[in-house]
Amino acid sequence: MRSRRCRVVVVSTDDAVAARQARRRGAIVVRRPRRLAGPRATTAEVIDHALRELRREGLVFDRVVVLQPTSPLRTSADVREALRIHDAQRGRNVISVTALKGAQWTMRLGSDGRLQPLDPRSLRRRRQDLRPLYVPNGALYVVGTDRVKQGWFEDAVGYVMPRSRSIDIDEPIDLRIARALSNG
């Protein structure tokens, strides 16, 4: 994926093969320490580490566009639009989101197996009549470098993406869905 708006591509990884492939394609590689390569590391910690390493090399940026590899269906047009929104919103963080179908009908499953609606009033209405709710889809974040350590979602604006490009690969079934969607 290419975007003329992104001057530099940086890949943060602890994997030697991924690092070689990224370098071959012109990316700057930041070697991720082991403590930031496990399941407990947050994206904000990884980005903060990468920015500190880049600063040591004399590279300073005012914003980052985070493209997680687990969301492969975003397009360069999505990146351009998120950057346009970021500019129009005077530097507010932009988070890509997708609509949750029937989210107001969400329920908990009690220890006794009974369904417990989060909002019992919404169950009395047709799903089509409820206002949509949105969830971050993991596809992209545009974040000011001064806000990386803060909550990315505070005062952020959403960039709404269709469900067809909002697959976030967390489980094997997600990968199968992403492959099916990308093959048209």
Foldseek 3Di string as FASTA:
>chain_A
DDDPVDPAAEAEEQDPVVCVVCVVVPHHYDDDDPVCHDPVHDPLNSVLVVQVVVVVVVDHDFKDKDADPQQPLDDNVLVVVLVVVCVVVVNQKEFEKEWDQLPQQDWDQDPVRDTHHPDVVCVVDDSVPDDTDIDGLRGIMMHGPVCSVPDNPVVYHYDYDYPLRRQGDDDPVSVVSVVVSVVD
